[in-house]
Each structure stands twice: as structure tokens, then as C-alpha cells.
Amino acid sequence: SDDGDFYSMPRFVYHIDEGAVRALTNYYKENIPAGSSVLDICSSWVSHYPEDFPKTMSRISGTGMNALELEANRQLSDFKPRNLNIDPKLPYEDASFDVVTCVVSVDYLVKPLEVFREVNRVLKPGGKFILSQSNRCFPTKAIAMWLGMDDIQHCLVIGAYFHYAGGFEPAEAFDVSPQGPRTNDPLFIVQATRQS
């Protein structure tokens, strides 16, 4: 289905459950230093950053498909709507960000290597690209191979994107799946650092 049509209406819903959201927020809290310039790609009405990030980060920018969702995201200091499947070029200067995040959306990218190269371009040397991934998705929007894979295979594919895009240190993957009540969704982090 056409991305423009699919994402034209805002979806003010979480795409992972409460436990996975908490796990992701905690991961960001522990791994994104204060004062960082952060870009959230494939963003929406919520970025799942810790509540204090708008005050402790130097900048939080966002790109995503739906302008109304981005406008509702109170954590962003600025945003630029962008369909990365049509134009994977990020609308930012070289070496602008310390960290780039992408929440449960890499499976929708039809030009992942181009997007990863763009992320590399906008990251400062030593900057980090943090992707989170669960097993939930819009099946009509995910790339075909994704639907037949398990969680470990998803992480391996993301690691391959880093490798073949070039310019990143070897990727690392972490299972940060939450435990306890209201926690059904697994959550994995795959991240890599831009080479200096």
C-alpha cells in the first residue's frame, strides 16, 4: 500500500506495550549522555525518551511521515516531515548529531542502506545510531522478508545493514526485553558507532 495514504491519518497509539516502552526509555536514560544532539528518525507523536530529555539535551530533532504526529511530540525541539522511502536524504548538515534513534521502524525502510549511510553522514564521528526492534509491526508495511523471520534474524539483518552501509564500527545487539506485569513485547537494541 502507498506510504502517503497509509500514514496520512495520525495514529496516536503506542506501537509497543508499556513494558517495552519502559525498557526503551530506561535504555536511553543510561546510554544517551546529557547535552547530546539527538535525531529521532521515523518519529511520531512520542519518542520514548526520558521525561527530562527536552531540558537535558542540547537538541532533539525528528523526522517522520506525519506532520500532525510530529507536531504533537513534545520532546522534539524541531521536526521535518520526511518519507525516507521516497527520499532517504536526511534534511540535516553533516556531523550534526551525537545520537540518532529509530524506534521499531527499520522494518518499514525500503532503502535501508541509503538511510543508514545518511545517518552516518549526519552523525558526528563517534556518534551512535540506536535502533530498537520488537516483534510487532504493520504487516502490510513491513518489507516482505521481515515477516518470515524471528527476533534474532531481525537483529542480524539490522547488523548487516550497518556492515554494508559502511562507516560504522561493528554493531552490537542487546536483549532488553522487560520482565513483570503488562510486559508481552520483546525488545532488542541494535546499535553501532560512527567510525572516527
C-alpha atoms as a PDB file:
ATOM      1  CA  SER A   1       0.000   0.000   0.000  1.00  0.00           C
ATOM      2  CA  ASP A   2       1.101   3.579  -0.614  1.00  0.00           C
ATOM      3  CA  ASP A   3       3.022   5.085   2.330  1.00  0.00           C
ATOM      4  CA  GLY A   4       1.490   8.524   1.804  1.00  0.00           C
ATOM      5  CA  ASP A   5      -2.022   7.131   2.098  1.00  0.00           C
ATOM      6  CA  PHE A   6      -1.210   4.775   4.963  1.00  0.00           C
ATOM      7  CA  TYR A   7       0.423   7.453   7.127  1.00  0.00           C
ATOM      8  CA  SER A   8      -1.807  10.388   6.152  1.00  0.00           C
ATOM      9  CA  MET A   9      -4.014   9.956   9.232  1.00  0.00           C
ATOM     10  CA  PRO A  10      -2.213  10.360  12.561  1.00  0.00           C
ATOM     11  CA  ARG A  11      -2.002   7.304  14.803  1.00  0.00           C
ATOM     12  CA  PHE A  12      -1.725   8.431  18.401  1.00  0.00           C
ATOM     13  CA  VAL A  13      -1.022   4.942  19.751  1.00  0.00           C
ATOM     14  CA  TYR A  14       1.988   3.143  21.155  1.00  0.00           C
ATOM     15  CA  HIS A  15       3.487   0.571  18.814  1.00  0.00           C
ATOM     16  CA  ILE A  16       4.975  -1.477  21.676  1.00  0.00           C
ATOM     17  CA  ASP A  17       3.462  -2.301  25.065  1.00  0.00           C
ATOM     18  CA  GLU A  18       4.044  -0.416  28.322  1.00  0.00           C
ATOM     19  CA  GLY A  19       6.812  -2.726  29.488  1.00  0.00           C
ATOM     20  CA  ALA A  20       8.753  -2.363  26.250  1.00  0.00           C
ATOM     21  CA  VAL A  21       8.292   1.424  26.369  1.00  0.00           C
ATOM     22  CA  ARG A  22       9.727   1.487  29.916  1.00  0.00           C
ATOM     23  CA  ALA A  23      12.662  -0.700  28.869  1.00  0.00           C
ATOM     24  CA  LEU A  24      13.435   1.572  25.915  1.00  0.00           C
ATOM     25  CA  THR A  25      13.151   4.754  27.980  1.00  0.00           C
ATOM     26  CA  ASN A  26      15.490   3.285  30.594  1.00  0.00           C
ATOM     27  CA  TYR A  27      17.971   2.258  27.905  1.00  0.00           C
ATOM     28  CA  TYR A  28      18.024   5.801  26.535  1.00  0.00           C
ATOM     29  CA  LYS A  29      18.463   7.214  30.044  1.00  0.00           C
ATOM     30  CA  GLU A  30      21.509   5.014  30.633  1.00  0.00           C
ATOM     31  CA  ASN A  31      23.082   5.398  27.178  1.00  0.00           C
ATOM     32  CA  ILE A  32      22.496   8.929  25.873  1.00  0.00           C
ATOM     33  CA  PRO A  33      24.645  11.479  27.730  1.00  0.00           C
ATOM     34  CA  ALA A  34      23.244  14.840  28.823  1.00  0.00           C
ATOM     35  CA  GLY A  35      23.960  17.647  26.389  1.00  0.00           C
ATOM     36  CA  SER A  36      23.695  15.414  23.313  1.00  0.00           C
ATOM     37  CA  SER A  37      22.214  16.494  19.994  1.00  0.00           C
ATOM     38  CA  VAL A  38      19.687  13.780  19.150  1.00  0.00           C
ATOM     39  CA  LEU A  39      17.777  12.909  15.970  1.00  0.00           C
ATOM     40  CA  ASP A  40      14.795  10.548  16.022  1.00  0.00           C
ATOM     41  CA  ILE A  41      14.114   9.150  12.528  1.00  0.00           C
ATOM     42  CA  CYS A  42      10.802   7.519  11.603  1.00  0.00           C
ATOM     43  CA  SER A  43       9.458   9.504  14.561  1.00  0.00           C
ATOM     44  CA  SER A  44       5.864  10.091  15.558  1.00  0.00           C
ATOM     45  CA  TRP A  45       3.885  11.677  18.385  1.00  0.00           C
ATOM     46  CA  VAL A  46       6.181  10.132  21.025  1.00  0.00           C
ATOM     47  CA  SER A  47       9.899   9.333  21.020  1.00  0.00           C
ATOM     48  CA  HIS A  48      10.035   7.355  24.307  1.00  0.00           C
ATOM     49  CA  TYR A  49      12.902   9.459  25.671  1.00  0.00           C
ATOM     50  CA  PRO A  50      13.085  10.124  29.408  1.00  0.00           C
ATOM     51  CA  GLU A  51      10.820  12.961  30.510  1.00  0.00           C
ATOM     52  CA  ASP A  52      13.737  15.297  31.303  1.00  0.00           C
ATOM     53  CA  PHE A  53      15.443  14.934  27.888  1.00  0.00           C
ATOM     54  CA  PRO A  54      13.998  18.150  26.402  1.00  0.00           C
ATOM     55  CA  LYS A  55      15.748  20.024  29.224  1.00  0.00           C
ATOM     56  CA  THR A  56      18.964  17.984  29.405  1.00  0.00           C
ATOM     57  CA  MET A  57      19.720  17.504  25.694  1.00  0.00           C
ATOM     58  CA  SER A  58      21.083  20.310  23.540  1.00  0.00           C
ATOM     59  CA  ARG A  59      18.674  19.466  20.709  1.00  0.00           C
ATOM     60  CA  ILE A  60      16.098  16.798  19.837  1.00  0.00           C
ATOM     61  CA  SER A  61      15.122  16.772  16.173  1.00  0.00           C
ATOM     62  CA  GLY A  62      12.707  14.438  14.449  1.00  0.00           C
ATOM     63  CA  THR A  63      11.746  13.222  11.018  1.00  0.00           C
ATOM     64  CA  GLY A  64       8.675  11.128  10.311  1.00  0.00           C
ATOM     65  CA  MET A  65       5.821  10.564   7.912  1.00  0.00           C
ATOM     66  CA  ASN A  66       3.033  12.503   9.608  1.00  0.00           C
ATOM     67  CA  ALA A  67       3.394  16.225  10.378  1.00  0.00           C
ATOM     68  CA  LEU A  68       0.500  16.174  12.883  1.00  0.00           C
ATOM     69  CA  GLU A  69       2.144  13.387  14.875  1.00  0.00           C
ATOM     70  CA  LEU A  70       5.483  15.198  14.862  1.00  0.00           C
ATOM     71  CA  GLU A  71       3.821  18.433  15.956  1.00  0.00           C
ATOM     72  CA  ALA A  72       2.256  16.584  18.908  1.00  0.00           C
ATOM     73  CA  ASN A  73       5.634  15.204  20.037  1.00  0.00           C
ATOM     74  CA  ARG A  74       6.537  17.469  22.962  1.00  0.00           C
ATOM     75  CA  GLN A  75      10.030  16.033  23.210  1.00  0.00           C
ATOM     76  CA  LEU A  76      11.132  17.395  19.835  1.00  0.00           C
ATOM     77  CA  SER A  77      12.759  20.813  19.626  1.00  0.00           C
ATOM     78  CA  ASP A  78      12.293  20.780  15.827  1.00  0.00           C
ATOM     79  CA  PHE A  79      10.943  18.422  13.184  1.00  0.00           C
ATOM     80  CA  LYS A  80      10.862  17.945   9.429  1.00  0.00           C
ATOM     81  CA  PRO A  81       8.322  15.568   7.865  1.00  0.00           C
ATOM     82  CA  ARG A  82      10.072  13.156   5.527  1.00  0.00           C
ATOM     83  CA  ASN A  83       9.191   9.960   3.677  1.00  0.00           C
ATOM     84  CA  LEU A  84      12.538   8.160   3.736  1.00  0.00           C
ATOM     85  CA  ASN A  85      11.189   5.511   1.356  1.00  0.00           C
ATOM     86  CA  ILE A  86      10.845   8.171  -1.357  1.00  0.00           C
ATOM     87  CA  ASP A  87      13.774  10.408  -0.410  1.00  0.00           C
ATOM     88  CA  PRO A  88      16.244   8.816   2.020  1.00  0.00           C
ATOM     89  CA  LYS A  89      18.309  12.022   2.285  1.00  0.00           C
ATOM     90  CA  LEU A  90      18.081  13.447   5.793  1.00  0.00           C
ATOM     91  CA  PRO A  91      17.492  17.216   5.854  1.00  0.00           C
ATOM     92  CA  TYR A  92      20.424  17.988   8.157  1.00  0.00           C
ATOM     93  CA  GLU A  93      24.044  19.101   7.833  1.00  0.00           C
ATOM     94  CA  ASP A  94      26.959  16.677   8.034  1.00  0.00           C
ATOM     95  CA  ALA A  95      28.087  15.738  11.557  1.00  0.00           C
ATOM     96  CA  SER A  96      25.102  17.414  13.255  1.00  0.00           C
ATOM     97  CA  PHE A  97      24.133  14.786  15.850  1.00  0.00           C
ATOM     98  CA  ASP A  98      25.688  12.793  18.679  1.00  0.00           C
ATOM     99  CA  VAL A  99      22.932  10.173  18.614  1.00  0.00           C
ATOM    100  CA  VAL A 100      20.317   9.025  16.096  1.00  0.00           C
ATOM    101  CA  THR A 101      17.453   6.789  17.234  1.00  0.00           C
ATOM    102  CA  CYS A 102      14.890   4.738  15.338  1.00  0.00           C
ATOM    103  CA  VAL A 103      12.064   3.073  17.263  1.00  0.00           C
ATOM    104  CA  VAL A 104      10.548  -0.144  15.860  1.00  0.00           C
ATOM    105  CA  SER A 105      10.561   1.182  12.280  1.00  0.00           C
ATOM    106  CA  VAL A 106      13.616  -0.178  10.483  1.00  0.00           C
ATOM    107  CA  ASP A 107      11.422  -2.971   9.093  1.00  0.00           C
ATOM    108  CA  TYR A 108       9.498  -0.414   7.011  1.00  0.00           C
ATOM    109  CA  LEU A 109      12.539   1.004   5.187  1.00  0.00           C
ATOM    110  CA  VAL A 110      12.721   0.007   1.512  1.00  0.00           C
ATOM    111  CA  LYS A 111      16.120   1.706   1.051  1.00  0.00           C
ATOM    112  CA  PRO A 112      17.809   0.800   4.343  1.00  0.00           C
ATOM    113  CA  LEU A 113      21.408   1.086   3.165  1.00  0.00           C
ATOM    114  CA  GLU A 114      20.788   4.589   1.811  1.00  0.00           C
ATOM    115  CA  VAL A 115      19.134   5.602   5.093  1.00  0.00           C
ATOM    116  CA  PHE A 116      21.978   4.103   7.163  1.00  0.00           C
ATOM    117  CA  ARG A 117      24.522   5.985   5.018  1.00  0.00           C
ATOM    118  CA  GLU A 118      22.568   9.182   5.615  1.00  0.00           C
ATOM    119  CA  VAL A 119      22.512   8.531   9.352  1.00  0.00           C
ATOM    120  CA  ASN A 120      26.275   8.018   9.194  1.00  0.00           C
ATOM    121  CA  ARG A 121      26.626  11.347   7.375  1.00  0.00           C
ATOM    122  CA  VAL A 122      24.639  13.343   9.956  1.00  0.00           C
ATOM    123  CA  LEU A 123      26.312  11.669  12.946  1.00  0.00           C
ATOM    124  CA  LYS A 124      29.400  13.233  14.450  1.00  0.00           C
ATOM    125  CA  PRO A 125      32.478  10.974  14.463  1.00  0.00           C
ATOM    126  CA  GLY A 126      31.997   8.636  17.426  1.00  0.00           C
ATOM    127  CA  GLY A 127      28.233   9.248  17.366  1.00  0.00           C
ATOM    128  CA  LYS A 128      25.847   6.371  17.907  1.00  0.00           C
ATOM    129  CA  PHE A 129      22.875   5.028  15.916  1.00  0.00           C
ATOM    130  CA  ILE A 130      20.491   3.208  18.280  1.00  0.00           C
ATOM    131  CA  LEU A 131      17.714   1.095  16.739  1.00  0.00           C
ATOM    132  CA  SER A 132      15.075  -0.644  18.811  1.00  0.00           C
ATOM    133  CA  GLN A 133      13.106  -3.569  17.465  1.00  0.00           C
ATOM    134  CA  SER A 134      10.242  -5.730  18.693  1.00  0.00           C
ATOM    135  CA  ASN A 135       8.123  -8.377  17.015  1.00  0.00           C
ATOM    136  CA  ARG A 136       5.163  -6.101  16.343  1.00  0.00           C
ATOM    137  CA  CYS A 137       4.624  -4.331  13.034  1.00  0.00           C
ATOM    138  CA  PHE A 138       2.088  -3.280  10.429  1.00  0.00           C
ATOM    139  CA  PRO A 139       2.308  -6.413   8.229  1.00  0.00           C
ATOM    140  CA  THR A 140       1.202  -4.520   5.119  1.00  0.00           C
ATOM    141  CA  LYS A 141       4.072  -2.030   5.569  1.00  0.00           C
ATOM    142  CA  ALA A 142       6.974  -4.246   6.661  1.00  0.00           C
ATOM    143  CA  ILE A 143       9.383  -5.430   3.981  1.00  0.00           C
ATOM    144  CA  ALA A 144       8.489  -8.937   2.789  1.00  0.00           C
ATOM    145  CA  MET A 145      11.486 -10.810   4.221  1.00  0.00           C
ATOM    146  CA  TRP A 146      10.835  -9.381   7.704  1.00  0.00           C
ATOM    147  CA  LEU A 147       7.558 -11.230   8.183  1.00  0.00           C
ATOM    148  CA  GLY A 148       9.135 -14.671   7.901  1.00  0.00           C
ATOM    149  CA  MET A 149      11.962 -14.005  10.371  1.00  0.00           C
ATOM    150  CA  ASP A 150      12.334 -14.368  14.133  1.00  0.00           C
ATOM    151  CA  ASP A 151      13.775 -11.816  16.569  1.00  0.00           C
ATOM    152  CA  ILE A 152      17.380 -12.997  16.250  1.00  0.00           C
ATOM    153  CA  GLN A 153      17.172 -12.904  12.462  1.00  0.00           C
ATOM    154  CA  HIS A 154      15.803  -9.342  12.658  1.00  0.00           C
ATOM    155  CA  CYS A 155      18.837  -8.303  14.724  1.00  0.00           C
ATOM    156  CA  LEU A 156      21.178  -9.991  12.233  1.00  0.00           C
ATOM    157  CA  VAL A 157      19.557  -8.136   9.326  1.00  0.00           C
ATOM    158  CA  ILE A 158      19.974  -4.803  11.123  1.00  0.00           C
ATOM    159  CA  GLY A 159      23.610  -5.678  11.849  1.00  0.00           C
ATOM    160  CA  ALA A 160      24.067  -6.430   8.145  1.00  0.00           C
ATOM    161  CA  TYR A 161      22.620  -3.014   7.266  1.00  0.00           C
ATOM    162  CA  PHE A 162      25.308  -1.389   9.432  1.00  0.00           C
ATOM    163  CA  HIS A 163      28.015  -3.539   7.861  1.00  0.00           C
ATOM    164  CA  TYR A 164      27.038  -2.996   4.240  1.00  0.00           C
ATOM    165  CA  ALA A 165      26.237   0.702   4.657  1.00  0.00           C
ATOM    166  CA  GLY A 166      29.837   1.192   5.781  1.00  0.00           C
ATOM    167  CA  GLY A 167      31.363   3.800   8.067  1.00  0.00           C
ATOM    168  CA  PHE A 168      30.253   2.163  11.334  1.00  0.00           C
ATOM    169  CA  GLU A 169      32.113   0.150  13.939  1.00  0.00           C
ATOM    170  CA  PRO A 170      30.784  -3.433  14.294  1.00  0.00           C
ATOM    171  CA  ALA A 171      27.180  -3.444  15.511  1.00  0.00           C
ATOM    172  CA  GLU A 172      26.169  -4.663  18.959  1.00  0.00           C
ATOM    173  CA  ALA A 173      22.815  -6.240  19.847  1.00  0.00           C
ATOM    174  CA  PHE A 174      21.171  -6.397  23.263  1.00  0.00           C
ATOM    175  CA  ASP A 175      18.021  -8.100  24.529  1.00  0.00           C
ATOM    176  CA  VAL A 176      16.447  -5.503  26.822  1.00  0.00           C
ATOM    177  CA  SER A 177      13.057  -7.222  26.972  1.00  0.00           C
ATOM    178  CA  PRO A 178      11.118  -6.219  30.083  1.00  0.00           C
ATOM    179  CA  GLN A 179      10.003  -8.585  32.836  1.00  0.00           C
ATOM    180  CA  GLY A 180       6.923  -8.370  35.039  1.00  0.00           C
ATOM    181  CA  PRO A 181       3.277  -7.354  34.640  1.00  0.00           C
ATOM    182  CA  ARG A 182       1.955  -5.851  31.378  1.00  0.00           C
ATOM    183  CA  THR A 183       5.082  -6.973  29.525  1.00  0.00           C
ATOM    184  CA  ASN A 184       4.408  -9.106  26.478  1.00  0.00           C
ATOM    185  CA  ASP A 185       6.552  -7.491  23.797  1.00  0.00           C
ATOM    186  CA  PRO A 186      10.223  -8.424  23.461  1.00  0.00           C
ATOM    187  CA  LEU A 187      12.597  -5.535  22.844  1.00  0.00           C
ATOM    188  CA  PHE A 188      16.005  -5.593  21.211  1.00  0.00           C
ATOM    189  CA  ILE A 189      18.560  -2.846  20.696  1.00  0.00           C
ATOM    190  CA  VAL A 190      20.946  -2.955  17.749  1.00  0.00           C
ATOM    191  CA  GLN A 191      23.432  -0.101  17.708  1.00  0.00           C
ATOM    192  CA  ALA A 192      26.703   0.955  16.172  1.00  0.00           C
ATOM    193  CA  THR A 193      29.095   3.881  16.435  1.00  0.00           C
ATOM    194  CA  ARG A 194      30.186   6.015  13.510  1.00  0.00           C
ATOM    195  CA  GLN A 195      33.835   5.471  12.757  1.00  0.00           C
ATOM    196  CA  SER A 196      36.099   8.400  13.581  1.00  0.00           C
END
